[in-house]
Amino acid sequence: MEIICANANKLIPFITNAGAVFLGAYSPVALGDYFAGSSHILPTGKSARFSSGLSVCDFFKRINFITYDKKTCIRDVLSAVNIADSEGMIEHKKSLEIRETI
């Protein structure tokens, strides 16, 4: 998005979805493509609502590790069972409920 007007910085709080925003007459998109650091690969088709421009982070593989002890598991199981039940995820619900008996 390129915004060329007086006091363009004042519009920042109103911008909620954009891959990159170029503010002012001296911030052409081409500088972003070549020098300014923003990605040339930007979200299209309204995908800026949930996605960002391509970055080095898109090439990292991330792994989440989760571990519970018995006490904490039992504490959280009831809430998770209620969520699974409300979503109709019967097998998820069963996998949670069995933890109460182990």
PDB file of N, CA and C in Angstrom:
ATOM      1  N   MET A   1       0.847  -1.151   0.000  1.00  0.00           N
ATOM      2  CA  MET A   1       0.000   0.000   0.000  1.00  0.00           C
ATOM      3  C   MET A   1       0.903   1.226   0.000  1.00  0.00           C
ATOM      4  N   GLU A   2       0.599   2.156  -0.837  1.00  0.00           N
ATOM      5  CA  GLU A   2       1.361   3.392  -0.895  1.00  0.00           C
ATOM      6  C   GLU A   2       0.422   4.538  -0.537  1.00  0.00           C
ATOM      7  N   ILE A   3       0.807   5.324   0.453  1.00  0.00           N
ATOM      8  CA  ILE A   3      -0.007   6.461   0.886  1.00  0.00           C
ATOM      9  C   ILE A   3       0.821   7.726   0.703  1.00  0.00           C
ATOM     10  N   ILE A   4       0.357   8.569  -0.178  1.00  0.00           N
ATOM     11  CA  ILE A   4       1.058   9.817  -0.457  1.00  0.00           C
ATOM     12  C   ILE A   4       0.121  10.960  -0.093  1.00  0.00           C
ATOM     13  N   CYS A   5       0.367  11.559   1.040  1.00  0.00           N
ATOM     14  CA  CYS A   5      -0.417  12.701   1.493  1.00  0.00           C
ATOM     15  C   CYS A   5       0.351  13.393   2.610  1.00  0.00           C
ATOM     16  N   ALA A   6      -0.099  14.566   2.981  1.00  0.00           N
ATOM     17  CA  ALA A   6       0.528  15.265   4.105  1.00  0.00           C
ATOM     18  C   ALA A   6       0.250  14.468   5.375  1.00  0.00           C
ATOM     19  N   ASN A   7       1.232  14.362   6.233  1.00  0.00           N
ATOM     20  CA  ASN A   7       1.083  13.680   7.519  1.00  0.00           C
ATOM     21  C   ASN A   7       0.641  12.223   7.372  1.00  0.00           C
ATOM     22  N   ALA A   8       1.208  11.513   6.438  1.00  0.00           N
ATOM     23  CA  ALA A   8       0.839  10.116   6.185  1.00  0.00           C
ATOM     24  C   ALA A   8       1.010   9.253   7.432  1.00  0.00           C
ATOM     25  N   ASN A   9       1.984   9.558   8.280  1.00  0.00           N
ATOM     26  CA  ASN A   9       2.205   8.767   9.497  1.00  0.00           C
ATOM     27  C   ASN A   9       0.996   8.756  10.420  1.00  0.00           C
ATOM     28  N   LYS A  10       0.170   9.776  10.348  1.00  0.00           N
ATOM     29  CA  LYS A  10      -1.022   9.838  11.204  1.00  0.00           C
ATOM     30  C   LYS A  10      -2.054   8.788  10.821  1.00  0.00           C
ATOM     31  N   LEU A  11      -1.925   8.200   9.641  1.00  0.00           N
ATOM     32  CA  LEU A  11      -2.878   7.181   9.195  1.00  0.00           C
ATOM     33  C   LEU A  11      -2.521   5.784   9.696  1.00  0.00           C
ATOM     34  N   ILE A  12      -1.329   5.617  10.235  1.00  0.00           N
ATOM     35  CA  ILE A  12      -0.864   4.293  10.670  1.00  0.00           C
ATOM     36  C   ILE A  12      -1.864   3.589  11.591  1.00  0.00           C
ATOM     37  N   PRO A  13      -2.440   4.262  12.598  1.00  0.00           N
ATOM     38  CA  PRO A  13      -3.374   3.550  13.493  1.00  0.00           C
ATOM     39  C   PRO A  13      -4.619   2.996  12.795  1.00  0.00           C
ATOM     40  N   PHE A  14      -4.917   3.495  11.610  1.00  0.00           N
ATOM     41  CA  PHE A  14      -6.121   3.068  10.916  1.00  0.00           C
ATOM     42  C   PHE A  14      -5.877   1.934   9.922  1.00  0.00           C
ATOM     43  N   ILE A  15      -4.634   1.553   9.735  1.00  0.00           N
ATOM     44  CA  ILE A  15      -4.290   0.494   8.787  1.00  0.00           C
ATOM     45  C   ILE A  15      -4.284  -0.829   9.539  1.00  0.00           C
ATOM     46  N   THR A  16      -5.176  -1.724   9.164  1.00  0.00           N
ATOM     47  CA  THR A  16      -5.280  -3.003   9.873  1.00  0.00           C
ATOM     48  C   THR A  16      -4.810  -4.190   9.040  1.00  0.00           C
ATOM     49  N   ASN A  17      -4.818  -4.074   7.727  1.00  0.00           N
ATOM     50  CA  ASN A  17      -4.410  -5.190   6.872  1.00  0.00           C
ATOM     51  C   ASN A  17      -3.596  -4.680   5.697  1.00  0.00           C
ATOM     52  N   ALA A  18      -2.330  -5.020   5.684  1.00  0.00           N
ATOM     53  CA  ALA A  18      -1.465  -4.669   4.555  1.00  0.00           C
ATOM     54  C   ALA A  18      -0.169  -5.459   4.681  1.00  0.00           C
ATOM     55  N   GLY A  19       0.354  -5.880   3.569  1.00  0.00           N
ATOM     56  CA  GLY A  19       1.631  -6.581   3.594  1.00  0.00           C
ATOM     57  C   GLY A  19       2.784  -5.636   3.846  1.00  0.00           C
ATOM     58  N   ALA A  20       2.707  -4.437   3.288  1.00  0.00           N
ATOM     59  CA  ALA A  20       3.708  -3.391   3.486  1.00  0.00           C
ATOM     60  C   ALA A  20       3.029  -2.062   3.196  1.00  0.00           C
ATOM     61  N   VAL A  21       3.420  -1.034   3.912  1.00  0.00           N
ATOM     62  CA  VAL A  21       2.828   0.287   3.729  1.00  0.00           C
ATOM     63  C   VAL A  21       3.967   1.283   3.482  1.00  0.00           C
ATOM     64  N   PHE A  22       3.893   1.982   2.393  1.00  0.00           N
ATOM     65  CA  PHE A  22       4.888   2.976   2.024  1.00  0.00           C
ATOM     66  C   PHE A  22       4.263   4.344   2.247  1.00  0.00           C
ATOM     67  N   LEU A  23       4.823   5.082   3.187  1.00  0.00           N
ATOM     68  CA  LEU A  23       4.231   6.338   3.617  1.00  0.00           C
ATOM     69  C   LEU A  23       4.976   7.544   3.070  1.00  0.00           C
ATOM     70  N   GLY A  24       4.272   8.403   2.364  1.00  0.00           N
ATOM     71  CA  GLY A  24       4.824   9.661   1.898  1.00  0.00           C
ATOM     72  C   GLY A  24       5.360   9.617   0.479  1.00  0.00           C
ATOM     73  N   ALA A  25       5.568  10.803  -0.058  1.00  0.00           N
ATOM     74  CA  ALA A  25       5.993  10.951  -1.450  1.00  0.00           C
ATOM     75  C   ALA A  25       7.380  10.389  -1.715  1.00  0.00           C
ATOM     76  N   TYR A  26       8.182  10.233  -0.679  1.00  0.00           N
ATOM     77  CA  TYR A  26       9.560   9.754  -0.868  1.00  0.00           C
ATOM     78  C   TYR A  26       9.732   8.300  -0.440  1.00  0.00           C
ATOM     79  N   SER A  27       8.650   7.539  -0.446  1.00  0.00           N
ATOM     80  CA  SER A  27       8.694   6.126  -0.070  1.00  0.00           C
ATOM     81  C   SER A  27       8.073   5.268  -1.169  1.00  0.00           C
ATOM     82  N   PRO A  28       8.681   5.249  -2.347  1.00  0.00           N
ATOM     83  CA  PRO A  28       8.095   4.462  -3.434  1.00  0.00           C
ATOM     84  C   PRO A  28       8.231   2.953  -3.181  1.00  0.00           C
ATOM     85  N   VAL A  29       7.277   2.225  -3.661  1.00  0.00           N
ATOM     86  CA  VAL A  29       7.263   0.775  -3.495  1.00  0.00           C
ATOM     87  C   VAL A  29       8.546   0.149  -4.041  1.00  0.00           C
ATOM     88  N   ALA A  30       9.073   0.696  -5.108  1.00  0.00           N
ATOM     89  CA  ALA A  30      10.294   0.135  -5.705  1.00  0.00           C
ATOM     90  C   ALA A  30      11.464   0.147  -4.723  1.00  0.00           C
ATOM     91  N   LEU A  31      11.535   1.126  -3.817  1.00  0.00           N
ATOM     92  CA  LEU A  31      12.595   1.101  -2.806  1.00  0.00           C
ATOM     93  C   LEU A  31      12.408  -0.079  -1.865  1.00  0.00           C
ATOM     94  N   GLY A  32      11.167  -0.420  -1.592  1.00  0.00           N
ATOM     95  CA  GLY A  32      10.900  -1.599  -0.776  1.00  0.00           C
ATOM     96  C   GLY A  32      11.315  -2.868  -1.470  1.00  0.00           C
ATOM     97  N   ASP A  33      11.099  -2.901  -2.773  1.00  0.00           N
ATOM     98  CA  ASP A  33      11.477  -4.083  -3.553  1.00  0.00           C
ATOM     99  C   ASP A  33      12.981  -4.301  -3.560  1.00  0.00           C
ATOM    100  N   TYR A  34      13.753  -3.203  -3.579  1.00  0.00           N
ATOM    101  CA  TYR A  34      15.190  -3.323  -3.774  1.00  0.00           C
ATOM    102  C   TYR A  34      16.046  -3.015  -2.562  1.00  0.00           C
ATOM    103  N   PHE A  35      15.637  -2.073  -1.720  1.00  0.00           N
ATOM    104  CA  PHE A  35      16.537  -1.615  -0.678  1.00  0.00           C
ATOM    105  C   PHE A  35      15.957  -1.556   0.732  1.00  0.00           C
ATOM    106  N   ALA A  36      14.715  -1.206   0.877  1.00  0.00           N
ATOM    107  CA  ALA A  36      14.169  -0.813   2.185  1.00  0.00           C
ATOM    108  C   ALA A  36      13.986  -1.970   3.159  1.00  0.00           C
ATOM    109  N   GLY A  37      13.995  -3.198   2.688  1.00  0.00           N
ATOM    110  CA  GLY A  37      13.917  -4.327   3.601  1.00  0.00           C
ATOM    111  C   GLY A  37      12.581  -5.042   3.632  1.00  0.00           C
ATOM    112  N   SER A  38      11.531  -4.423   3.105  1.00  0.00           N
ATOM    113  CA  SER A  38      10.252  -5.155   3.075  1.00  0.00           C
ATOM    114  C   SER A  38      10.338  -6.235   2.000  1.00  0.00           C
ATOM    115  N   SER A  39       9.534  -7.234   2.132  1.00  0.00           N
ATOM    116  CA  SER A  39       9.562  -8.338   1.184  1.00  0.00           C
ATOM    117  C   SER A  39       8.903  -7.935  -0.125  1.00  0.00           C
ATOM    118  N   HIS A  40       9.455  -8.397  -1.212  1.00  0.00           N
ATOM    119  CA  HIS A  40       8.831  -8.187  -2.509  1.00  0.00           C
ATOM    120  C   HIS A  40       7.648  -9.134  -2.688  1.00  0.00           C
ATOM    121  N   ILE A  41       7.623 -10.210  -1.932  1.00  0.00           N
ATOM    122  CA  ILE A  41       6.545 -11.190  -2.013  1.00  0.00           C
ATOM    123  C   ILE A  41       5.532 -10.841  -0.924  1.00  0.00           C
ATOM    124  N   LEU A  42       4.474 -10.165  -1.319  1.00  0.00           N
ATOM    125  CA  LEU A  42       3.474  -9.686  -0.365  1.00  0.00           C
ATOM    126  C   LEU A  42       2.162 -10.436  -0.540  1.00  0.00           C
ATOM    127  N   PRO A  43       1.354 -10.483   0.508  1.00  0.00           N
ATOM    128  CA  PRO A  43       0.069 -11.191   0.424  1.00  0.00           C
ATOM    129  C   PRO A  43      -0.880 -10.500  -0.561  1.00  0.00           C
ATOM    130  N   THR A  44      -1.615 -11.304  -1.300  1.00  0.00           N
ATOM    131  CA  THR A  44      -2.576 -10.788  -2.267  1.00  0.00           C
ATOM    132  C   THR A  44      -3.949 -11.369  -1.990  1.00  0.00           C
ATOM    133  N   GLY A  45      -4.934 -10.913  -2.715  1.00  0.00           N
ATOM    134  CA  GLY A  45      -6.283 -11.459  -2.592  1.00  0.00           C
ATOM    135  C   GLY A  45      -6.841 -11.366  -1.185  1.00  0.00           C
ATOM    136  N   LYS A  46      -6.607 -10.268  -0.508  1.00  0.00           N
ATOM    137  CA  LYS A  46      -7.088 -10.017   0.851  1.00  0.00           C
ATOM    138  C   LYS A  46      -6.436 -10.911   1.905  1.00  0.00           C
ATOM    139  N   SER A  47      -5.389 -11.655   1.540  1.00  0.00           N
ATOM    140  CA  SER A  47      -4.766 -12.555   2.514  1.00  0.00           C
ATOM    141  C   SER A  47      -3.951 -11.806   3.568  1.00  0.00           C
ATOM    142  N   ALA A  48      -3.772 -10.500   3.426  1.00  0.00           N
ATOM    143  CA  ALA A  48      -3.081  -9.718   4.463  1.00  0.00           C
ATOM    144  C   ALA A  48      -3.882  -9.713   5.761  1.00  0.00           C
ATOM    145  N   ARG A  49      -5.131 -10.135   5.697  1.00  0.00           N
ATOM    146  CA  ARG A  49      -5.944 -10.249   6.918  1.00  0.00           C
ATOM    147  C   ARG A  49      -5.373 -11.302   7.855  1.00  0.00           C
ATOM    148  N   PHE A  50      -4.654 -12.295   7.317  1.00  0.00           N
ATOM    149  CA  PHE A  50      -4.131 -13.384   8.154  1.00  0.00           C
ATOM    150  C   PHE A  50      -2.695 -13.781   7.831  1.00  0.00           C
ATOM    151  N   SER A  51      -2.070 -13.071   6.917  1.00  0.00           N
ATOM    152  CA  SER A  51      -0.729 -13.465   6.505  1.00  0.00           C
ATOM    153  C   SER A  51       0.150 -12.235   6.312  1.00  0.00           C
ATOM    154  N   SER A  52       1.452 -12.445   6.349  1.00  0.00           N
ATOM    155  CA  SER A  52       2.417 -11.368   6.149  1.00  0.00           C
ATOM    156  C   SER A  52       3.188 -11.616   4.861  1.00  0.00           C
ATOM    157  N   GLY A  53       4.046 -10.664   4.533  1.00  0.00           N
ATOM    158  CA  GLY A  53       4.916 -10.864   3.390  1.00  0.00           C
ATOM    159  C   GLY A  53       5.898 -11.991   3.665  1.00  0.00           C
ATOM    160  N   LEU A  54       6.364 -12.614   2.609  1.00  0.00           N
ATOM    161  CA  LEU A  54       7.340 -13.689   2.733  1.00  0.00           C
ATOM    162  C   LEU A  54       8.588 -13.172   3.432  1.00  0.00           C
ATOM    163  N   SER A  55       9.099 -13.930   4.371  1.00  0.00           N
ATOM    164  CA  SER A  55      10.317 -13.530   5.073  1.00  0.00           C
ATOM    165  C   SER A  55      11.161 -14.768   5.356  1.00  0.00           C
ATOM    166  N   VAL A  56      12.320 -14.550   5.901  1.00  0.00           N
ATOM    167  CA  VAL A  56      13.202 -15.656   6.251  1.00  0.00           C
ATOM    168  C   VAL A  56      12.510 -16.596   7.241  1.00  0.00           C
ATOM    169  N   CYS A  57      11.599 -16.078   8.048  1.00  0.00           N
ATOM    170  CA  CYS A  57      10.879 -16.920   9.022  1.00  0.00           C
ATOM    171  C   CYS A  57      10.050 -18.003   8.340  1.00  0.00           C
ATOM    172  N   ASP A  58       9.635 -17.758   7.107  1.00  0.00           N
ATOM    173  CA  ASP A  58       8.853 -18.761   6.386  1.00  0.00           C
ATOM    174  C   ASP A  58       9.666 -19.989   6.006  1.00  0.00           C
ATOM    175  N   PHE A  59      10.979 -19.910   6.163  1.00  0.00           N
ATOM    176  CA  PHE A  59      11.848 -21.014   5.806  1.00  0.00           C
ATOM    177  C   PHE A  59      12.402 -21.742   7.029  1.00  0.00           C
ATOM    178  N   PHE A  60      11.929 -21.349   8.185  1.00  0.00           N
ATOM    179  CA  PHE A  60      12.310 -22.046   9.410  1.00  0.00           C
ATOM    180  C   PHE A  60      11.287 -23.119   9.708  1.00  0.00           C
ATOM    181  N   LYS A  61      11.756 -24.236  10.161  1.00  0.00           N
ATOM    182  CA  LYS A  61      10.865 -25.299  10.610  1.00  0.00           C
ATOM    183  C   LYS A  61      10.775 -25.178  12.124  1.00  0.00           C
ATOM    184  N   ARG A  62       9.577 -25.049  12.621  1.00  0.00           N
ATOM    185  CA  ARG A  62       9.370 -24.908  14.056  1.00  0.00           C
ATOM    186  C   ARG A  62       8.682 -26.164  14.586  1.00  0.00           C
ATOM    187  N   ILE A  63       9.075 -26.579  15.763  1.00  0.00           N
ATOM    188  CA  ILE A  63       8.454 -27.720  16.433  1.00  0.00           C
ATOM    189  C   ILE A  63       8.040 -27.261  17.822  1.00  0.00           C
ATOM    190  N   ASN A  64       6.801 -27.525  18.165  1.00  0.00           N
ATOM    191  CA  ASN A  64       6.318 -27.229  19.510  1.00  0.00           C
ATOM    192  C   ASN A  64       6.397 -28.498  20.350  1.00  0.00           C
ATOM    193  N   PHE A  65       6.935 -28.376  21.549  1.00  0.00           N
ATOM    194  CA  PHE A  65       6.992 -29.499  22.481  1.00  0.00           C
ATOM    195  C   PHE A  65       6.100 -29.163  23.666  1.00  0.00           C
ATOM    196  N   ILE A  66       5.197 -30.067  23.999  1.00  0.00           N
ATOM    197  CA  ILE A  66       4.256 -29.860  25.098  1.00  0.00           C
ATOM    198  C   ILE A  66       4.421 -31.000  26.076  1.00  0.00           C
ATOM    199  N   THR A  67       4.525 -30.680  27.341  1.00  0.00           N
ATOM    200  CA  THR A  67       4.583 -31.731  28.360  1.00  0.00           C
ATOM    201  C   THR A  67       3.759 -31.308  29.570  1.00  0.00           C
ATOM    202  N   TYR A  68       2.992 -32.231  30.067  1.00  0.00           N
ATOM    203  CA  TYR A  68       2.158 -32.031  31.245  1.00  0.00           C
ATOM    204  C   TYR A  68       2.581 -33.044  32.297  1.00  0.00           C
ATOM    205  N   ASP A  69       2.454 -32.681  33.564  1.00  0.00           N
ATOM    206  CA  ASP A  69       2.546 -33.689  34.601  1.00  0.00           C
ATOM    207  C   ASP A  69       1.114 -34.120  34.923  1.00  0.00           C
ATOM    208  N   LYS A  70       0.967 -35.188  35.709  1.00  0.00           N
ATOM    209  CA  LYS A  70      -0.362 -35.738  35.964  1.00  0.00           C
ATOM    210  C   LYS A  70      -1.293 -34.716  36.602  1.00  0.00           C
ATOM    211  N   LYS A  71      -0.809 -34.003  37.603  1.00  0.00           N
ATOM    212  CA  LYS A  71      -1.650 -33.035  38.320  1.00  0.00           C
ATOM    213  C   LYS A  71      -2.178 -31.943  37.382  1.00  0.00           C
ATOM    214  N   THR A  72      -1.303 -31.414  36.555  1.00  0.00           N
ATOM    215  CA  THR A  72      -1.702 -30.347  35.635  1.00  0.00           C
ATOM    216  C   THR A  72      -2.627 -30.883  34.558  1.00  0.00           C
ATOM    217  N   CYS A  73      -2.353 -32.089  34.088  1.00  0.00           N
ATOM    218  CA  CYS A  73      -3.212 -32.715  33.089  1.00  0.00           C
ATOM    219  C   CYS A  73      -4.637 -32.863  33.618  1.00  0.00           C
ATOM    220  N   ILE A  74      -4.757 -33.424  34.803  1.00  0.00           N
ATOM    221  CA  ILE A  74      -6.085 -33.621  35.407  1.00  0.00           C
ATOM    222  C   ILE A  74      -6.788 -32.279  35.562  1.00  0.00           C
ATOM    223  N   ARG A  75      -6.025 -31.255  35.938  1.00  0.00           N
ATOM    224  CA  ARG A  75      -6.609 -29.921  36.116  1.00  0.00           C
ATOM    225  C   ARG A  75      -7.211 -29.391  34.815  1.00  0.00           C
ATOM    226  N   ASP A  76      -6.545 -29.645  33.684  1.00  0.00           N
ATOM    227  CA  ASP A  76      -6.988 -29.071  32.421  1.00  0.00           C
ATOM    228  C   ASP A  76      -7.924 -29.970  31.620  1.00  0.00           C
ATOM    229  N   VAL A  77      -7.974 -31.238  31.958  1.00  0.00           N
ATOM    230  CA  VAL A  77      -8.763 -32.190  31.170  1.00  0.00           C
ATOM    231  C   VAL A  77     -10.236 -31.808  31.106  1.00  0.00           C
ATOM    232  N   LEU A  78     -10.845 -31.441  32.202  1.00  0.00           N
ATOM    233  CA  LEU A  78     -12.282 -31.149  32.195  1.00  0.00           C
ATOM    234  C   LEU A  78     -12.614 -30.020  31.224  1.00  0.00           C
ATOM    235  N   SER A  79     -11.820 -28.974  31.231  1.00  0.00           N
ATOM    236  CA  SER A  79     -12.067 -27.864  30.305  1.00  0.00           C
ATOM    237  C   SER A  79     -11.908 -28.327  28.863  1.00  0.00           C
ATOM    238  N   ALA A  80     -10.865 -29.101  28.602  1.00  0.00           N
ATOM    239  CA  ALA A  80     -10.630 -29.592  27.249  1.00  0.00           C
ATOM    240  C   ALA A  80     -11.737 -30.552  26.811  1.00  0.00           C
ATOM    241  N   VAL A  81     -12.226 -31.378  27.731  1.00  0.00           N
ATOM    242  CA  VAL A  81     -13.336 -32.291  27.430  1.00  0.00           C
ATOM    243  C   VAL A  81     -14.568 -31.491  27.018  1.00  0.00           C
ATOM    244  N   ASN A  82     -14.839 -30.424  27.728  1.00  0.00           N
ATOM    245  CA  ASN A  82     -16.000 -29.587  27.393  1.00  0.00           C
ATOM    246  C   ASN A  82     -15.875 -28.988  25.999  1.00  0.00           C
ATOM    247  N   ILE A  83     -14.675 -28.554  25.643  1.00  0.00           N
ATOM    248  CA  ILE A  83     -14.458 -27.991  24.313  1.00  0.00           C
ATOM    249  C   ILE A  83     -14.628 -29.081  23.247  1.00  0.00           C
ATOM    250  N   ALA A  84     -14.001 -30.227  23.463  1.00  0.00           N
ATOM    251  CA  ALA A  84     -14.114 -31.335  22.504  1.00  0.00           C
ATOM    252  C   ALA A  84     -15.568 -31.753  22.336  1.00  0.00           C
ATOM    253  N   ASP A  85     -16.284 -31.820  23.444  1.00  0.00           N
ATOM    254  CA  ASP A  85     -17.693 -32.204  23.409  1.00  0.00           C
ATOM    255  C   ASP A  85     -18.514 -31.194  22.609  1.00  0.00           C
ATOM    256  N   SER A  86     -18.276 -29.918  22.840  1.00  0.00           N
ATOM    257  CA  SER A  86     -19.045 -28.893  22.134  1.00  0.00           C
ATOM    258  C   SER A  86     -18.741 -28.877  20.640  1.00  0.00           C
ATOM    259  N   GLU A  87     -17.544 -29.329  20.260  1.00  0.00           N
ATOM    260  CA  GLU A  87     -17.179 -29.398  18.848  1.00  0.00           C
ATOM    261  C   GLU A  87     -17.585 -30.718  18.203  1.00  0.00           C
ATOM    262  N   GLY A  88     -18.088 -31.648  19.015  1.00  0.00           N
ATOM    263  CA  GLY A  88     -18.454 -32.958  18.474  1.00  0.00           C
ATOM    264  C   GLY A  88     -17.253 -33.834  18.171  1.00  0.00           C
ATOM    265  N   MET A  89     -16.131 -33.550  18.790  1.00  0.00           N
ATOM    266  CA  MET A  89     -14.902 -34.311  18.560  1.00  0.00           C
ATOM    267  C   MET A  89     -14.843 -35.461  19.580  1.00  0.00           C
ATOM    268  N   ILE A  90     -15.600 -36.488  19.327  1.00  0.00           N
ATOM    269  CA  ILE A  90     -15.783 -37.588  20.260  1.00  0.00           C
ATOM    270  C   ILE A  90     -14.469 -38.290  20.594  1.00  0.00           C
ATOM    271  N   GLU A  91     -13.630 -38.560  19.600  1.00  0.00           N
ATOM    272  CA  GLU A  91     -12.372 -39.257  19.863  1.00  0.00           C
ATOM    273  C   GLU A  91     -11.410 -38.381  20.670  1.00  0.00           C
ATOM    274  N   HIS A  92     -11.417 -37.078  20.418  1.00  0.00           N
ATOM    275  CA  HIS A  92     -10.610 -36.173  21.237  1.00  0.00           C
ATOM    276  C   HIS A  92     -11.088 -36.247  22.686  1.00  0.00           C
ATOM    277  N   LYS A  93     -12.392 -36.211  22.842  1.00  0.00           N
ATOM    278  CA  LYS A  93     -12.979 -36.274  24.192  1.00  0.00           C
ATOM    279  C   LYS A  93     -12.554 -37.562  24.895  1.00  0.00           C
ATOM    280  N   LYS A  94     -12.631 -38.686  24.198  1.00  0.00           N
ATOM    281  CA  LYS A  94     -12.230 -39.966  24.790  1.00  0.00           C
ATOM    282  C   LYS A  94     -10.752 -39.964  25.183  1.00  0.00           C
ATOM    283  N   SER A  95      -9.903 -39.405  24.311  1.00  0.00           N
ATOM    284  CA  SER A  95      -8.461 -39.393  24.618  1.00  0.00           C
ATOM    285  C   SER A  95      -8.160 -38.536  25.832  1.00  0.00           C
ATOM    286  N   LEU A  96      -9.002 -37.576  26.104  1.00  0.00           N
ATOM    287  CA  LEU A  96      -8.835 -36.733  27.294  1.00  0.00           C
ATOM    288  C   LEU A  96      -9.374 -37.448  28.547  1.00  0.00           C
ATOM    289  N   GLU A  97     -10.575 -38.002  28.401  1.00  0.00           N
ATOM    290  CA  GLU A  97     -11.213 -38.634  29.569  1.00  0.00           C
ATOM    291  C   GLU A  97     -10.412 -39.811  30.102  1.00  0.00           C
ATOM    292  N   ILE A  98      -9.739 -40.547  29.206  1.00  0.00           N
ATOM    293  CA  ILE A  98      -8.964 -41.711  29.655  1.00  0.00           C
ATOM    294  C   ILE A  98      -7.802 -41.292  30.545  1.00  0.00           C
ATOM    295  N   ARG A  99      -7.334 -40.050  30.388  1.00  0.00           N
ATOM    296  CA  ARG A  99      -6.217 -39.571  31.229  1.00  0.00           C
ATOM    297  C   ARG A  99      -6.615 -39.483  32.691  1.00  0.00           C
ATOM    298  N   GLU A 100      -7.897 -39.329  32.948  1.00  0.00           N
ATOM    299  CA  GLU A 100      -8.362 -39.253  34.336  1.00  0.00           C
ATOM    300  C   GLU A 100      -8.268 -40.610  35.059  1.00  0.00           C
ATOM    301  N   THR A 101      -8.203 -41.682  34.270  1.00  0.00           N
ATOM    302  CA  THR A 101      -8.164 -43.021  34.868  1.00  0.00           C
ATOM    303  C   THR A 101      -6.768 -43.601  34.954  1.00  0.00           C
ATOM    304  N   ILE A 102      -5.801 -42.940  34.321  1.00  0.00           N
ATOM    305  CA  ILE A 102      -4.429 -43.466  34.309  1.00  0.00           C
ATOM    306  C   ILE A 102      -3.728 -43.125  35.616  1.00  0.00           C
TER     307      ILE A 102
END
